[in-house]
PDB file of N, CA and C in Angstrom:
ATOM      1  N   MET A   1      -1.342 -51.242 -45.899  1.00  0.00           N
ATOM      2  CA  MET A   1      -1.510 -49.962 -45.595  1.00  0.00           C
ATOM      3  C   MET A   1      -2.732 -49.589 -45.675  1.00  0.00           C
ATOM      4  N   LYS A   2      -3.360 -49.531 -47.334  1.00  0.00           N
ATOM      5  CA  LYS A   2      -4.329 -48.433 -47.196  1.00  0.00           C
ATOM      6  C   LYS A   2      -5.289 -49.355 -45.992  1.00  0.00           C
ATOM      7  N   ALA A   3      -5.438 -50.564 -46.058  1.00  0.00           N
ATOM      8  CA  ALA A   3      -6.574 -50.858 -45.615  1.00  0.00           C
ATOM      9  C   ALA A   3      -6.751 -50.384 -43.989  1.00  0.00           C
ATOM     10  N   SER A   4      -5.942 -50.542 -43.050  1.00  0.00           N
ATOM     11  CA  SER A   4      -5.046 -50.324 -41.900  1.00  0.00           C
ATOM     12  C   SER A   4      -6.195 -48.833 -41.652  1.00  0.00           C
ATOM     13  N   GLN A   5      -5.130 -48.145 -42.497  1.00  0.00           N
ATOM     14  CA  GLN A   5      -5.903 -46.742 -42.683  1.00  0.00           C
ATOM     15  C   GLN A   5      -7.739 -46.765 -42.735  1.00  0.00           C
ATOM     16  N   THR A   6      -8.007 -47.032 -42.982  1.00  0.00           N
ATOM     17  CA  THR A   6     -10.207 -46.740 -43.801  1.00  0.00           C
ATOM     18  C   THR A   6     -10.130 -47.305 -42.243  1.00  0.00           C
ATOM     19  N   LYS A   7      -9.411 -48.955 -41.863  1.00  0.00           N
ATOM     20  CA  LYS A   7      -9.899 -49.322 -40.325  1.00  0.00           C
ATOM     21  C   LYS A   7      -9.860 -48.258 -39.330  1.00  0.00           C
ATOM     22  N   ARG A   8      -8.782 -47.359 -39.425  1.00  0.00           N
ATOM     23  CA  ARG A   8      -8.550 -46.389 -38.375  1.00  0.00           C
ATOM     24  C   ARG A   8      -9.702 -45.639 -38.276  1.00  0.00           C
ATOM     25  N   ARG A   9     -10.016 -44.887 -39.633  1.00  0.00           N
ATOM     26  CA  ARG A   9     -10.542 -43.807 -39.590  1.00  0.00           C
ATOM     27  C   ARG A   9     -12.452 -44.097 -39.585  1.00  0.00           C
ATOM     28  N   LYS A  10     -12.357 -45.191 -39.805  1.00  0.00           N
ATOM     29  CA  LYS A  10     -14.180 -46.247 -39.190  1.00  0.00           C
ATOM     30  C   LYS A  10     -13.913 -46.272 -37.151  1.00  0.00           C
ATOM     31  N   ASP A  11     -12.821 -46.786 -36.716  1.00  0.00           N
ATOM     32  CA  ASP A  11     -12.945 -47.474 -35.774  1.00  0.00           C
ATOM     33  C   ASP A  11     -13.627 -45.985 -34.465  1.00  0.00           C
ATOM     34  N   PRO A  12     -14.237 -46.587 -33.613  1.00  0.00           N
ATOM     35  CA  PRO A  12     -15.279 -45.338 -33.132  1.00  0.00           C
ATOM     36  C   PRO A  12     -14.499 -45.388 -32.044  1.00  0.00           C
ATOM     37  N   ALA A  13     -13.653 -46.115 -31.575  1.00  0.00           N
ATOM     38  CA  ALA A  13     -12.357 -45.833 -30.519  1.00  0.00           C
ATOM     39  C   ALA A  13     -11.494 -44.761 -30.995  1.00  0.00           C
ATOM     40  N   PHE A  14     -11.076 -44.874 -31.931  1.00  0.00           N
ATOM     41  CA  PHE A  14     -10.429 -43.270 -32.279  1.00  0.00           C
ATOM     42  C   PHE A  14     -11.012 -42.050 -32.244  1.00  0.00           C
ATOM     43  N   TRP A  15     -12.192 -42.074 -32.842  1.00  0.00           N
ATOM     44  CA  TRP A  15     -12.546 -41.116 -32.986  1.00  0.00           C
ATOM     45  C   TRP A  15     -13.056 -40.200 -31.645  1.00  0.00           C
ATOM     46  N   ASN A  16     -13.350 -40.623 -30.519  1.00  0.00           N
ATOM     47  CA  ASN A  16     -14.015 -40.516 -29.513  1.00  0.00           C
ATOM     48  C   ASN A  16     -12.441 -39.705 -28.255  1.00  0.00           C
ATOM     49  N   ALA A  17     -11.147 -40.969 -28.674  1.00  0.00           N
ATOM     50  CA  ALA A  17     -10.328 -40.423 -28.263  1.00  0.00           C
ATOM     51  C   ALA A  17      -9.699 -38.637 -28.251  1.00  0.00           C
ATOM     52  N   LEU A  18     -10.596 -38.332 -30.056  1.00  0.00           N
ATOM     53  CA  LEU A  18      -9.620 -37.558 -31.168  1.00  0.00           C
ATOM     54  C   LEU A  18     -10.627 -36.573 -30.473  1.00  0.00           C
ATOM     55  N   ASN A  19     -12.003 -37.088 -30.496  1.00  0.00           N
ATOM     56  CA  ASN A  19     -13.124 -35.509 -29.733  1.00  0.00           C
ATOM     57  C   ASN A  19     -12.889 -35.348 -28.370  1.00  0.00           C
ATOM     58  N   ARG A  20     -12.421 -36.451 -27.243  1.00  0.00           N
ATOM     59  CA  ARG A  20     -11.826 -36.007 -26.316  1.00  0.00           C
ATOM     60  C   ARG A  20     -10.471 -34.815 -26.101  1.00  0.00           C
ATOM     61  N   VAL A  21      -9.662 -35.270 -26.704  1.00  0.00           N
ATOM     62  CA  VAL A  21      -8.579 -34.632 -27.264  1.00  0.00           C
ATOM     63  C   VAL A  21      -8.965 -32.645 -27.533  1.00  0.00           C
ATOM     64  N   LEU A  22      -9.992 -33.400 -28.625  1.00  0.00           N
ATOM     65  CA  LEU A  22     -10.860 -32.199 -28.892  1.00  0.00           C
ATOM     66  C   LEU A  22     -11.416 -31.197 -28.219  1.00  0.00           C
ATOM     67  N   VAL A  23     -12.167 -31.941 -27.529  1.00  0.00           N
ATOM     68  CA  VAL A  23     -12.840 -31.131 -26.289  1.00  0.00           C
ATOM     69  C   VAL A  23     -11.842 -30.389 -25.257  1.00  0.00           C
ATOM     70  N   LEU A  24     -10.906 -31.418 -24.388  1.00  0.00           N
ATOM     71  CA  LEU A  24      -9.656 -30.718 -23.690  1.00  0.00           C
ATOM     72  C   LEU A  24      -9.249 -29.107 -24.429  1.00  0.00           C
ATOM     73  N   LEU A  25      -8.865 -29.666 -25.612  1.00  0.00           N
ATOM     74  CA  LEU A  25      -8.088 -28.389 -26.722  1.00  0.00           C
ATOM     75  C   LEU A  25      -9.117 -27.304 -25.835  1.00  0.00           C
ATOM     76  N   ILE A  26     -10.322 -27.555 -26.424  1.00  0.00           N
ATOM     77  CA  ILE A  26     -11.502 -26.394 -26.181  1.00  0.00           C
ATOM     78  C   ILE A  26     -11.296 -25.951 -25.230  1.00  0.00           C
ATOM     79  N   ALA A  27     -11.692 -26.521 -24.079  1.00  0.00           N
ATOM     80  CA  ALA A  27     -11.796 -26.370 -22.427  1.00  0.00           C
ATOM     81  C   ALA A  27     -10.567 -25.408 -22.073  1.00  0.00           C
ATOM     82  N   THR A  28      -9.475 -25.744 -22.826  1.00  0.00           N
ATOM     83  CA  THR A  28      -8.291 -25.222 -21.928  1.00  0.00           C
ATOM     84  C   THR A  28      -8.155 -23.839 -22.875  1.00  0.00           C
ATOM     85  N   LEU A  29      -8.709 -23.888 -24.375  1.00  0.00           N
ATOM     86  CA  LEU A  29      -8.595 -22.885 -24.726  1.00  0.00           C
ATOM     87  C   LEU A  29      -9.493 -20.992 -24.199  1.00  0.00           C
ATOM     88  N   ILE A  30     -10.282 -21.801 -23.741  1.00  0.00           N
ATOM     89  CA  ILE A  30     -11.479 -21.437 -23.408  1.00  0.00           C
ATOM     90  C   ILE A  30     -11.319 -20.712 -21.736  1.00  0.00           C
ATOM     91  N   VAL A  31     -10.334 -21.619 -21.164  1.00  0.00           N
ATOM     92  CA  VAL A  31      -9.910 -21.428 -19.750  1.00  0.00           C
ATOM     93  C   VAL A  31      -8.715 -19.622 -19.927  1.00  0.00           C
ATOM     94  N   VAL A  32      -7.818 -20.227 -20.872  1.00  0.00           N
ATOM     95  CA  VAL A  32      -7.003 -19.101 -21.126  1.00  0.00           C
ATOM     96  C   VAL A  32      -7.480 -18.098 -21.188  1.00  0.00           C
ATOM     97  N   GLY A  33      -8.367 -17.615 -22.516  1.00  0.00           N
ATOM     98  CA  GLY A  33      -9.014 -17.257 -23.207  1.00  0.00           C
ATOM     99  C   GLY A  33      -9.025 -16.102 -21.733  1.00  0.00           C
ATOM    100  N   VAL A  34     -10.339 -16.386 -20.732  1.00  0.00           N
ATOM    101  CA  VAL A  34     -10.985 -16.145 -19.519  1.00  0.00           C
ATOM    102  C   VAL A  34      -9.576 -15.762 -18.808  1.00  0.00           C
ATOM    103  N   VAL A  35      -9.117 -16.065 -18.545  1.00  0.00           N
ATOM    104  CA  VAL A  35      -7.587 -15.666 -18.186  1.00  0.00           C
ATOM    105  C   VAL A  35      -7.315 -14.164 -18.361  1.00  0.00           C
ATOM    106  N   LEU A  36      -7.106 -14.568 -19.584  1.00  0.00           N
ATOM    107  CA  LEU A  36      -6.069 -12.931 -20.842  1.00  0.00           C
ATOM    108  C   LEU A  36      -7.207 -12.443 -20.590  1.00  0.00           C
ATOM    109  N   TRP A  37      -8.932 -12.695 -20.527  1.00  0.00           N
ATOM    110  CA  TRP A  37      -9.679 -11.012 -20.388  1.00  0.00           C
ATOM    111  C   TRP A  37      -9.542 -10.586 -19.528  1.00  0.00           C
ATOM    112  N   PHE A  38      -9.548 -11.555 -17.860  1.00  0.00           N
ATOM    113  CA  PHE A  38     -10.076 -10.760 -16.844  1.00  0.00           C
ATOM    114  C   PHE A  38      -8.375 -10.655 -16.070  1.00  0.00           C
ATOM    115  N   SER A  39      -7.510 -10.724 -16.572  1.00  0.00           N
ATOM    116  CA  SER A  39      -6.029 -10.340 -15.697  1.00  0.00           C
ATOM    117  C   SER A  39      -5.453  -8.747 -15.948  1.00  0.00           C
ATOM    118  N   PRO A  40      -6.062  -8.060 -17.226  1.00  0.00           N
ATOM    119  CA  PRO A  40      -6.037  -6.966 -16.850  1.00  0.00           C
ATOM    120  C   PRO A  40      -6.821  -6.270 -15.704  1.00  0.00           C
ATOM    121  N   GLU A  41      -7.978  -6.860 -15.262  1.00  0.00           N
ATOM    122  CA  GLU A  41      -8.684  -6.550 -14.055  1.00  0.00           C
ATOM    123  C   GLU A  41      -8.450  -6.377 -12.582  1.00  0.00           C
ATOM    124  N   LEU A  42      -7.899  -7.673 -12.807  1.00  0.00           N
ATOM    125  CA  LEU A  42      -6.667  -8.381 -11.629  1.00  0.00           C
ATOM    126  C   LEU A  42      -6.115  -7.574 -11.049  1.00  0.00           C
ATOM    127  N   ILE A  43      -5.144  -7.209 -12.028  1.00  0.00           N
ATOM    128  CA  ILE A  43      -4.127  -6.042 -12.238  1.00  0.00           C
ATOM    129  C   ILE A  43      -4.631  -4.660 -11.411  1.00  0.00           C
ATOM    130  N   ARG A  44      -5.284  -4.325 -11.889  1.00  0.00           N
ATOM    131  CA  ARG A  44      -5.922  -3.177 -12.117  1.00  0.00           C
ATOM    132  C   ARG A  44      -6.566  -2.724 -10.424  1.00  0.00           C
ATOM    133  N   ARG A  45      -7.298  -4.089 -10.324  1.00  0.00           N
ATOM    134  CA  ARG A  45      -7.793  -4.319  -8.808  1.00  0.00           C
ATOM    135  C   ARG A  45      -7.068  -4.604  -7.742  1.00  0.00           C
ATOM    136  N   LYS A  46      -6.124  -5.242  -7.850  1.00  0.00           N
ATOM    137  CA  LYS A  46      -4.760  -5.003  -7.157  1.00  0.00           C
ATOM    138  C   LYS A  46      -3.802  -3.376  -6.781  1.00  0.00           C
ATOM    139  N   ALA A  47      -3.866  -2.602  -7.839  1.00  0.00           N
ATOM    140  CA  ALA A  47      -3.425  -1.856  -7.669  1.00  0.00           C
ATOM    141  C   ALA A  47      -4.423  -0.579  -6.910  1.00  0.00           C
ATOM    142  N   MET A  48      -5.563  -0.682  -7.315  1.00  0.00           N
ATOM    143  CA  MET A  48      -6.398   0.093  -6.232  1.00  0.00           C
ATOM    144  C   MET A  48      -6.454  -0.183  -4.978  1.00  0.00           C
ATOM    145  N   SER A  49      -6.225  -1.436  -4.751  1.00  0.00           N
ATOM    146  CA  SER A  49      -6.496  -1.797  -3.427  1.00  0.00           C
ATOM    147  C   SER A  49      -5.132  -1.601  -2.617  1.00  0.00           C
ATOM    148  N   LYS A  50      -4.253  -1.580  -3.335  1.00  0.00           N
ATOM    149  CA  LYS A  50      -2.823  -1.136  -2.549  1.00  0.00           C
ATOM    150  C   LYS A  50      -2.890   0.802  -2.141  1.00  0.00           C
ATOM    151  N   ASN A  51      -3.623   1.148  -3.529  1.00  0.00           N
ATOM    152  CA  ASN A  51      -3.906   2.370  -3.579  1.00  0.00           C
ATOM    153  C   ASN A  51      -4.794   2.896  -1.714  1.00  0.00           C
ATOM    154  N   LEU A  52      -5.979   2.028  -1.482  1.00  0.00           N
ATOM    155  CA  LEU A  52      -6.731   2.673  -1.066  1.00  0.00           C
ATOM    156  C   LEU A  52      -5.904   1.948   0.340  1.00  0.00           C
ATOM    157  N   ASP A  53      -5.083   1.100   0.779  1.00  0.00           N
ATOM    158  CA  ASP A  53      -4.385   0.990   1.924  1.00  0.00           C
ATOM    159  C   ASP A  53      -3.370   1.977   1.954  1.00  0.00           C
ATOM    160  N   LEU A  54      -3.205   2.882   0.949  1.00  0.00           N
ATOM    161  CA  LEU A  54      -2.317   4.011   1.200  1.00  0.00           C
ATOM    162  C   LEU A  54      -3.098   4.717   1.851  1.00  0.00           C
ATOM    163  N   GLN A  55      -4.045   5.341   1.496  1.00  0.00           N
ATOM    164  CA  GLN A  55      -5.123   6.204   1.220  1.00  0.00           C
ATOM    165  C   GLN A  55      -5.426   6.220   2.743  1.00  0.00           C
ATOM    166  N   LYS A  56      -5.868   4.589   3.640  1.00  0.00           N
ATOM    167  CA  LYS A  56      -6.508   4.837   4.602  1.00  0.00           C
ATOM    168  C   LYS A  56      -5.246   4.868   5.650  1.00  0.00           C
ATOM    169  N   SER A  57      -4.084   4.676   5.128  1.00  0.00           N
ATOM    170  CA  SER A  57      -2.728   5.387   6.603  1.00  0.00           C
ATOM    171  C   SER A  57      -2.835   6.622   6.374  1.00  0.00           C
ATOM    172  N   GLU A  58      -3.193   6.873   4.741  1.00  0.00           N
ATOM    173  CA  GLU A  58      -3.346   8.991   5.325  1.00  0.00           C
ATOM    174  C   GLU A  58      -4.692   9.386   6.239  1.00  0.00           C
ATOM    175  N   LEU A  59      -5.178   8.914   5.976  1.00  0.00           N
ATOM    176  CA  LEU A  59      -6.562   9.543   6.951  1.00  0.00           C
ATOM    177  C   LEU A  59      -6.306   9.081   8.087  1.00  0.00           C
ATOM    178  N   ALA A  60      -5.225   8.058   8.476  1.00  0.00           N
ATOM    179  CA  ALA A  60      -5.418   7.655  10.041  1.00  0.00           C
ATOM    180  C   ALA A  60      -4.690   8.673  10.538  1.00  0.00           C
ATOM    181  N   ALA A  61      -3.395   9.159   9.845  1.00  0.00           N
ATOM    182  CA  ALA A  61      -2.667  10.272  10.097  1.00  0.00           C
ATOM    183  C   ALA A  61      -2.801  11.413  10.256  1.00  0.00           C
ATOM    184  N   GLN A  62      -3.632  11.950   9.323  1.00  0.00           N
ATOM    185  CA  GLN A  62      -4.318  12.782   9.445  1.00  0.00           C
ATOM    186  C   GLN A  62      -5.959  12.922  10.226  1.00  0.00           C
ATOM    187  N   GLN A  63      -6.178  11.843  10.778  1.00  0.00           N
ATOM    188  CA  GLN A  63      -7.385  11.751  12.127  1.00  0.00           C
ATOM    189  C   GLN A  63      -6.457  11.838  13.292  1.00  0.00           C
ATOM    190  N   LEU A  64      -5.509  11.401  13.458  1.00  0.00           N
ATOM    191  CA  LEU A  64      -4.186  11.553  14.328  1.00  0.00           C
ATOM    192  C   LEU A  64      -4.064  13.119  14.686  1.00  0.00           C
ATOM    193  N   LEU A  65      -3.241  13.702  13.785  1.00  0.00           N
ATOM    194  CA  LEU A  65      -3.180  15.607  14.152  1.00  0.00           C
ATOM    195  C   LEU A  65      -4.298  16.115  13.831  1.00  0.00           C
ATOM    196  N   LEU A  66      -5.129  15.591  13.321  1.00  0.00           N
ATOM    197  CA  LEU A  66      -6.695  16.661  13.919  1.00  0.00           C
ATOM    198  C   LEU A  66      -6.909  16.433  15.630  1.00  0.00           C
ATOM    199  N   GLU A  67      -6.657  15.035  16.486  1.00  0.00           N
ATOM    200  CA  GLU A  67      -7.210  15.086  17.298  1.00  0.00           C
ATOM    201  C   GLU A  67      -5.677  15.385  18.274  1.00  0.00           C
ATOM    202  N   LYS A  68      -4.700  15.837  17.657  1.00  0.00           N
ATOM    203  CA  LYS A  68      -3.984  16.316  18.736  1.00  0.00           C
ATOM    204  C   LYS A  68      -4.271  17.885  18.250  1.00  0.00           C
ATOM    205  N   ARG A  69      -4.405  18.499  17.103  1.00  0.00           N
ATOM    206  CA  ARG A  69      -4.628  19.637  17.689  1.00  0.00           C
ATOM    207  C   ARG A  69      -5.843  20.168  18.412  1.00  0.00           C
ATOM    208  N   GLU A  70      -6.988  19.583  18.562  1.00  0.00           N
ATOM    209  CA  GLU A  70      -8.085  19.668  18.889  1.00  0.00           C
ATOM    210  C   GLU A  70      -8.119  19.421  20.110  1.00  0.00           C
ATOM    211  N   ARG A  71      -6.888  18.474  21.110  1.00  0.00           N
ATOM    212  CA  ARG A  71      -6.424  18.505  22.176  1.00  0.00           C
ATOM    213  C   ARG A  71      -5.900  19.994  22.747  1.00  0.00           C
ATOM    214  N   GLU A  72      -4.929  20.290  21.320  1.00  0.00           N
ATOM    215  CA  GLU A  72      -4.293  21.639  21.922  1.00  0.00           C
ATOM    216  C   GLU A  72      -5.272  22.653  22.173  1.00  0.00           C
ATOM    217  N   VAL A  73      -6.193  22.544  21.489  1.00  0.00           N
ATOM    218  CA  VAL A  73      -7.695  23.787  21.088  1.00  0.00           C
ATOM    219  C   VAL A  73      -7.722  23.759  22.487  1.00  0.00           C
ATOM    220  N   PHE A  74      -8.576  22.276  22.813  1.00  0.00           N
ATOM    221  CA  PHE A  74      -9.110  22.616  24.489  1.00  0.00           C
ATOM    222  C   PHE A  74      -7.918  22.970  25.406  1.00  0.00           C
ATOM    223  N   LEU A  75      -6.994  22.554  25.513  1.00  0.00           N
ATOM    224  CA  LEU A  75      -6.286  23.065  26.477  1.00  0.00           C
ATOM    225  C   LEU A  75      -5.859  24.700  26.319  1.00  0.00           C
ATOM    226  N   LEU A  76      -5.877  24.865  24.842  1.00  0.00           N
ATOM    227  CA  LEU A  76      -5.620  26.911  24.811  1.00  0.00           C
ATOM    228  C   LEU A  76      -6.365  27.228  25.704  1.00  0.00           C
ATOM    229  N   GLU A  77      -7.838  26.559  24.982  1.00  0.00           N
ATOM    230  CA  GLU A  77      -9.036  27.271  25.839  1.00  0.00           C
ATOM    231  C   GLU A  77      -9.459  27.287  27.335  1.00  0.00           C
ATOM    232  N   ASN A  78      -8.942  26.320  28.002  1.00  0.00           N
ATOM    233  CA  ASN A  78      -9.627  25.840  29.598  1.00  0.00           C
ATOM    234  C   ASN A  78      -8.630  25.925  30.303  1.00  0.00           C
ATOM    235  N   ASP A  79      -7.473  25.306  29.791  1.00  0.00           N
ATOM    236  CA  ASP A  79      -6.357  25.175  30.625  1.00  0.00           C
ATOM    237  C   ASP A  79      -4.916  26.264  30.900  1.00  0.00           C
ATOM    238  N   THR A  80      -5.113  27.646  32.028  1.00  0.00           N
ATOM    239  CA  THR A  80      -4.281  28.500  32.090  1.00  0.00           C
ATOM    240  C   THR A  80      -2.910  28.244  32.241  1.00  0.00           C
ATOM    241  N   PHE A  81      -2.512  26.784  32.655  1.00  0.00           N
ATOM    242  CA  PHE A  81      -1.463  26.297  33.035  1.00  0.00           C
ATOM    243  C   PHE A  81      -0.872  26.615  32.172  1.00  0.00           C
ATOM    244  N   TYR A  82      -1.590  25.315  31.206  1.00  0.00           N
ATOM    245  CA  TYR A  82      -1.025  25.269  29.802  1.00  0.00           C
ATOM    246  C   TYR A  82      -0.536  26.155  28.849  1.00  0.00           C
ATOM    247  N   ILE A  83      -1.529  27.690  29.291  1.00  0.00           N
ATOM    248  CA  ILE A  83      -1.062  28.724  28.285  1.00  0.00           C
ATOM    249  C   ILE A  83       0.325  29.093  28.937  1.00  0.00           C
ATOM    250  N   GLU A  84       0.125  29.529  30.243  1.00  0.00           N
ATOM    251  CA  GLU A  84       1.135  30.003  31.144  1.00  0.00           C
ATOM    252  C   GLU A  84       2.905  29.501  30.560  1.00  0.00           C
ATOM    253  N   THR A  85       2.727  27.582  30.668  1.00  0.00           N
ATOM    254  CA  THR A  85       3.967  27.308  29.848  1.00  0.00           C
ATOM    255  C   THR A  85       4.035  27.445  28.170  1.00  0.00           C
ATOM    256  N   ILE A  86       3.168  27.322  27.679  1.00  0.00           N
ATOM    257  CA  ILE A  86       3.437  27.619  26.148  1.00  0.00           C
ATOM    258  C   ILE A  86       4.500  29.093  26.017  1.00  0.00           C
ATOM    259  N   ALA A  87       3.227  30.062  26.768  1.00  0.00           N
ATOM    260  CA  ALA A  87       3.620  31.357  26.586  1.00  0.00           C
ATOM    261  C   ALA A  87       5.019  31.355  26.807  1.00  0.00           C
ATOM    262  N   ARG A  88       5.624  30.946  27.520  1.00  0.00           N
ATOM    263  CA  ARG A  88       6.789  31.141  29.208  1.00  0.00           C
ATOM    264  C   ARG A  88       8.578  30.510  27.990  1.00  0.00           C
ATOM    265  N   ASP A  89       7.655  29.203  26.997  1.00  0.00           N
ATOM    266  CA  ASP A  89       8.731  28.355  26.256  1.00  0.00           C
ATOM    267  C   ASP A  89       9.027  29.092  25.135  1.00  0.00           C
ATOM    268  N   LYS A  90       7.517  29.915  24.506  1.00  0.00           N
ATOM    269  CA  LYS A  90       8.100  30.786  22.916  1.00  0.00           C
ATOM    270  C   LYS A  90       8.616  31.680  23.569  1.00  0.00           C
ATOM    271  N   LEU A  91       8.530  32.227  24.367  1.00  0.00           N
ATOM    272  CA  LEU A  91       8.800  33.865  24.669  1.00  0.00           C
ATOM    273  C   LEU A  91      10.001  34.245  25.479  1.00  0.00           C
ATOM    274  N   ASP A  92      10.613  33.403  26.174  1.00  0.00           N
ATOM    275  CA  ASP A  92      11.777  33.009  26.698  1.00  0.00           C
ATOM    276  C   ASP A  92      11.413  33.511  27.752  1.00  0.00           C
ATOM    277  N   LEU A  93      10.515  33.798  29.045  1.00  0.00           N
ATOM    278  CA  LEU A  93      10.072  33.446  29.452  1.00  0.00           C
ATOM    279  C   LEU A  93      10.164  33.391  30.884  1.00  0.00           C
ATOM    280  N   MET A  94      10.753  33.703  32.282  1.00  0.00           N
ATOM    281  CA  MET A  94      10.719  32.893  33.560  1.00  0.00           C
ATOM    282  C   MET A  94       9.980  33.700  34.774  1.00  0.00           C
ATOM    283  N   LYS A  95      10.352  32.954  36.031  1.00  0.00           N
ATOM    284  CA  LYS A  95       9.506  33.953  37.197  1.00  0.00           C
ATOM    285  C   LYS A  95      10.608  33.947  37.845  1.00  0.00           C
ATOM    286  N   GLU A  96      10.477  35.157  39.163  1.00  0.00           N
ATOM    287  CA  GLU A  96      12.392  34.988  39.750  1.00  0.00           C
ATOM    288  C   GLU A  96      12.340  33.856  40.530  1.00  0.00           C
ATOM    289  N   GLY A  97      14.007  34.287  40.293  1.00  0.00           N
ATOM    290  CA  GLY A  97      14.403  32.836  40.781  1.00  0.00           C
ATOM    291  C   GLY A  97      14.185  31.294  40.157  1.00  0.00           C
ATOM    292  N   GLU A  98      14.230  32.162  38.817  1.00  0.00           N
ATOM    293  CA  GLU A  98      13.739  30.911  38.601  1.00  0.00           C
ATOM    294  C   GLU A  98      14.872  30.268  37.456  1.00  0.00           C
ATOM    295  N   THR A  99      15.515  29.416  37.128  1.00  0.00           N
ATOM    296  CA  THR A  99      16.598  28.910  35.638  1.00  0.00           C
ATOM    297  C   THR A  99      16.449  28.237  35.023  1.00  0.00           C
ATOM    298  N   ILE A 100      16.507  29.029  34.169  1.00  0.00           N
ATOM    299  CA  ILE A 100      16.435  28.184  32.668  1.00  0.00           C
ATOM    300  C   ILE A 100      17.498  27.233  31.999  1.00  0.00           C
ATOM    301  N   PHE A 101      17.512  25.533  31.545  1.00  0.00           N
ATOM    302  CA  PHE A 101      18.173  25.205  31.220  1.00  0.00           C
ATOM    303  C   PHE A 101      17.982  24.905  29.607  1.00  0.00           C
ATOM    304  N   ARG A 102      18.377  24.866  28.987  1.00  0.00           N
ATOM    305  CA  ARG A 102      18.021  25.102  27.202  1.00  0.00           C
ATOM    306  C   ARG A 102      19.030  23.779  27.111  1.00  0.00           C
ATOM    307  N   LEU A 103      18.295  22.857  26.378  1.00  0.00           N
ATOM    308  CA  LEU A 103      19.646  22.173  25.465  1.00  0.00           C
ATOM    309  C   LEU A 103      19.319  21.708  24.440  1.00  0.00           C
ATOM    310  N   ASP A 104      19.544  21.986  23.300  1.00  0.00           N
ATOM    311  CA  ASP A 104      19.561  22.396  21.713  1.00  0.00           C
ATOM    312  C   ASP A 104      20.208  21.140  21.273  1.00  0.00           C
ATOM    313  N   SER A 105      20.073  21.048  20.342  1.00  0.00           N
ATOM    314  CA  SER A 105      20.661  19.287  20.119  1.00  0.00           C
ATOM    315  C   SER A 105      21.538  20.108  19.139  1.00  0.00           C
ATOM    316  N   LEU A 106      22.575  19.175  18.802  1.00  0.00           N
ATOM    317  CA  LEU A 106      23.928  18.966  18.028  1.00  0.00           C
ATOM    318  C   LEU A 106      23.600  19.333  15.999  1.00  0.00           C
ATOM    319  N   PRO A 107      23.789  20.119  15.480  1.00  0.00           N
ATOM    320  CA  PRO A 107      23.217  19.419  14.124  1.00  0.00           C
ATOM    321  C   PRO A 107      24.226  18.596  13.593  1.00  0.00           C
ATOM    322  N   PRO A 108      23.580  17.801  12.632  1.00  0.00           N
ATOM    323  CA  PRO A 108      24.478  16.632  12.336  1.00  0.00           C
ATOM    324  C   PRO A 108      25.549  16.873  11.741  1.00  0.00           C
ATOM    325  N   PRO A 109      26.610  15.655  11.912  1.00  0.00           N
ATOM    326  CA  PRO A 109      28.284  16.205  11.951  1.00  0.00           C
ATOM    327  C   PRO A 109      28.400  16.018   9.945  1.00  0.00           C
ATOM    328  N   GLN A 110      29.465  17.125   9.389  1.00  0.00           N
ATOM    329  CA  GLN A 110      29.034  17.509   7.679  1.00  0.00           C
ATOM    330  C   GLN A 110      30.587  16.717   7.786  1.00  0.00           C
ATOM    331  N   PRO A 111      30.476  16.004   6.519  1.00  0.00           N
ATOM    332  CA  PRO A 111      31.630  14.823   5.827  1.00  0.00           C
ATOM    333  C   PRO A 111      32.905  15.941   5.809  1.00  0.00           C
ATOM    334  N   SER A 112      34.063  16.079   6.500  1.00  0.00           N
ATOM    335  CA  SER A 112      35.398  16.444   6.038  1.00  0.00           C
ATOM    336  C   SER A 112      35.122  16.295   4.353  1.00  0.00           C
ATOM    337  N   PRO A 113      35.617  17.357   3.566  1.00  0.00           N
ATOM    338  CA  PRO A 113      35.979  17.299   2.167  1.00  0.00           C
ATOM    339  C   PRO A 113      37.127  16.519   2.648  1.00  0.00           C
ATOM    340  N   GLU A 114      37.342  15.570   1.637  1.00  0.00           N
ATOM    341  CA  GLU A 114      38.847  14.708   1.668  1.00  0.00           C
ATOM    342  C   GLU A 114      39.560  15.574   0.931  1.00  0.00           C
ATOM    343  N   LYS A 115      41.427  15.704   0.724  1.00  0.00           N
ATOM    344  CA  LYS A 115      42.073  15.812   0.210  1.00  0.00           C
ATOM    345  C   LYS A 115      43.045  14.844  -0.920  1.00  0.00           C
ATOM    346  N   LYS A 116      42.664  15.179  -2.068  1.00  0.00           N
ATOM    347  CA  LYS A 116      42.872  13.881  -3.235  1.00  0.00           C
ATOM    348  C   LYS A 116      44.633  13.844  -3.596  1.00  0.00           C
TER     349      LYS A 116
END
């Protein structure tokens, strides 16, 4: 048995196979190390991307509100019919012979207390 072990140790095919396995193991460890090194950054980047998307949607909403308010300012400065309509609505004023109908929405139904 001793002769087969020494033959195995001197066999270049055995050492070549062992070297391939070791190179594969080292390459695998390097790849795993790189993945572990960069995974926190990838997670951070994903969180930052979500935050950016949220801020972009907030910006779009704010821009929409700004456009609405700028339009209202323009109408208040330039359109007398709009001013009249707003004033009559806010102050509950009406012209002679005009009848105003207001339809108020009903409050949401309250749950009735259950008897035990």
